[in-house]
Every structure is written in structure tokens, then in C-alpha cells.
Amino acid sequence: MNLADAQTRLSALVAAALKGEEVVIANAGEPLVRVVPCQPRVAPRQPGRLRGQIRIADDFDSPDEAIVKLFEEGR
């Protein structure tokens, strides 16, 4: 797409890019820019959203004797 034509058809070019078409704007036959959609915004985190859905075992923080032995003895 020529730069002069792109100025008058910007909304159509944006719509084409949103549909997945490759849109390249050129000047004097030399490619200048590519019009691509922005990455979708990620929803902000909501603390507590998984409350009640995750269970952690009662012995989660208990030391594992085999691992302690590896650290102490190095084997």
C-alpha cells in the first residue's frame, strides 16, 4: 500500500490487519512499516480468585529426611 493511499484508507487497513491480513505501507515502492494488531491486554490479577479451590497438604512444609540427608552428607 502506498503511503498516500494509506492516509486516506487507514481505517480499512486497520480492519484488514485485525482480520489477520498482512498490511505493509510503502513509500516510492520501499516498504516502511507493517500494520499489526496490538497484543490483547491481560486482565489484572484478582487476589483470592482461587480461594477454596486449592488444597495444600498439612505436611507441605515438613522436611523430607532424604533431602536433608543429601544436603548434610553431600551424596
C-alpha atoms as a PDB file:
ATOM      1  CA  MET A   1       0.000   0.000   0.000  1.00  0.00           C
ATOM      2  CA  ASN A   2       1.365   3.387  -0.985  1.00  0.00           C
ATOM      3  CA  LEU A   3       1.779   5.933   1.825  1.00  0.00           C
ATOM      4  CA  ALA A   4      -0.543   8.470   0.178  1.00  0.00           C
ATOM      5  CA  ASP A   5      -3.267   5.840  -0.294  1.00  0.00           C
ATOM      6  CA  ALA A   6      -2.780   4.586   3.272  1.00  0.00           C
ATOM      7  CA  GLN A   7      -3.525   8.048   4.660  1.00  0.00           C
ATOM      8  CA  THR A   8      -6.996   8.024   3.137  1.00  0.00           C
ATOM      9  CA  ARG A   9      -7.716   4.328   3.873  1.00  0.00           C
ATOM     10  CA  LEU A  10      -6.294   3.978   7.387  1.00  0.00           C
ATOM     11  CA  SER A  11      -9.469   2.600   8.978  1.00  0.00           C
ATOM     12  CA  ALA A  12      -9.778  -0.055   6.246  1.00  0.00           C
ATOM     13  CA  LEU A  13      -6.118  -1.012   6.684  1.00  0.00           C
ATOM     14  CA  VAL A  14      -6.554  -1.361  10.435  1.00  0.00           C
ATOM     15  CA  ALA A  15      -9.637  -3.530   9.906  1.00  0.00           C
ATOM     16  CA  ALA A  16      -7.673  -5.730   7.491  1.00  0.00           C
ATOM     17  CA  ALA A  17      -4.819  -6.107   9.979  1.00  0.00           C
ATOM     18  CA  LEU A  18      -7.277  -7.062  12.734  1.00  0.00           C
ATOM     19  CA  LYS A  19      -8.613  -9.816  10.451  1.00  0.00           C
ATOM     20  CA  GLY A  20      -5.086 -11.214  10.139  1.00  0.00           C
ATOM     21  CA  GLU A  21      -4.138  -9.781   6.755  1.00  0.00           C
ATOM     22  CA  GLU A  22      -0.591  -8.531   6.290  1.00  0.00           C
ATOM     23  CA  VAL A  23      -0.615  -4.769   5.732  1.00  0.00           C
ATOM     24  CA  VAL A  24       2.616  -3.109   4.602  1.00  0.00           C
ATOM     25  CA  ILE A  25       2.813   0.624   3.910  1.00  0.00           C
ATOM     26  CA  ALA A  26       5.464   1.746   1.448  1.00  0.00           C
ATOM     27  CA  ASN A  27       6.841   4.977   0.043  1.00  0.00           C
ATOM     28  CA  ALA A  28       8.097   5.009  -3.549  1.00  0.00           C
ATOM     29  CA  GLY A  29       7.899   1.215  -3.575  1.00  0.00           C
ATOM     30  CA  GLU A  30      10.134   0.894  -0.484  1.00  0.00           C
ATOM     31  CA  PRO A  31       8.396  -0.853   2.477  1.00  0.00           C
ATOM     32  CA  LEU A  32       8.286   1.410   5.531  1.00  0.00           C
ATOM     33  CA  VAL A  33       6.025  -0.125   8.168  1.00  0.00           C
ATOM     34  CA  ARG A  34       3.837  -3.137   8.840  1.00  0.00           C
ATOM     35  CA  VAL A  35       0.434  -2.641  10.475  1.00  0.00           C
ATOM     36  CA  VAL A  36      -0.235  -5.384  13.038  1.00  0.00           C
ATOM     37  CA  PRO A  37      -2.721  -5.715  15.905  1.00  0.00           C
ATOM     38  CA  CYS A  38      -1.532  -4.955  19.426  1.00  0.00           C
ATOM     39  CA  GLN A  39      -1.291  -7.811  21.885  1.00  0.00           C
ATOM     40  CA  PRO A  40      -4.526  -8.249  23.856  1.00  0.00           C
ATOM     41  CA  ARG A  41      -4.484  -6.715  27.307  1.00  0.00           C
ATOM     42  CA  VAL A  42      -4.175  -9.175  30.129  1.00  0.00           C
ATOM     43  CA  ALA A  43      -6.847  -8.884  32.798  1.00  0.00           C
ATOM     44  CA  PRO A  44      -5.481  -7.558  36.101  1.00  0.00           C
ATOM     45  CA  ARG A  45      -4.838 -10.101  38.821  1.00  0.00           C
ATOM     46  CA  GLN A  46      -7.631 -10.699  41.297  1.00  0.00           C
ATOM     47  CA  PRO A  47      -6.242 -11.821  44.654  1.00  0.00           C
ATOM     48  CA  GLY A  48      -8.266 -14.615  46.221  1.00  0.00           C
ATOM     49  CA  ARG A  49      -9.868 -15.673  42.942  1.00  0.00           C
ATOM     50  CA  LEU A  50      -8.957 -19.346  43.553  1.00  0.00           C
ATOM     51  CA  ARG A  51      -9.822 -19.354  47.257  1.00  0.00           C
ATOM     52  CA  GLY A  52     -11.257 -22.734  48.232  1.00  0.00           C
ATOM     53  CA  GLN A  53     -10.091 -24.421  45.022  1.00  0.00           C
ATOM     54  CA  ILE A  54      -6.510 -25.232  46.029  1.00  0.00           C
ATOM     55  CA  ARG A  55      -5.579 -27.597  48.819  1.00  0.00           C
ATOM     56  CA  ILE A  56      -2.109 -27.783  50.363  1.00  0.00           C
ATOM     57  CA  ALA A  57      -1.194 -30.887  52.352  1.00  0.00           C
ATOM     58  CA  ASP A  58      -0.756 -30.470  56.109  1.00  0.00           C
ATOM     59  CA  ASP A  59       2.835 -31.732  55.872  1.00  0.00           C
ATOM     60  CA  PHE A  60       3.773 -29.425  52.976  1.00  0.00           C
ATOM     61  CA  ASP A  61       6.485 -27.597  54.956  1.00  0.00           C
ATOM     62  CA  SER A  62       7.750 -30.679  56.788  1.00  0.00           C
ATOM     63  CA  PRO A  63      11.365 -31.522  55.962  1.00  0.00           C
ATOM     64  CA  ASP A  64      11.967 -34.540  53.747  1.00  0.00           C
ATOM     65  CA  GLU A  65      14.587 -36.623  55.540  1.00  0.00           C
ATOM     66  CA  ALA A  66      16.094 -37.916  52.288  1.00  0.00           C
ATOM     67  CA  ILE A  67      16.668 -34.356  51.034  1.00  0.00           C
ATOM     68  CA  VAL A  68      18.057 -33.228  54.406  1.00  0.00           C
ATOM     69  CA  LYS A  69      20.468 -36.161  54.307  1.00  0.00           C
ATOM     70  CA  LEU A  70      21.610 -35.220  50.793  1.00  0.00           C
ATOM     71  CA  PHE A  71      22.372 -31.661  51.923  1.00  0.00           C
ATOM     72  CA  GLU A  72      24.162 -32.757  55.068  1.00  0.00           C
ATOM     73  CA  GLU A  73      26.170 -35.633  53.587  1.00  0.00           C
ATOM     74  CA  GLY A  74      26.505 -34.423  50.025  1.00  0.00           C
ATOM     75  CA  ARG A  75      25.602 -37.777  48.475  1.00  0.00           C
END
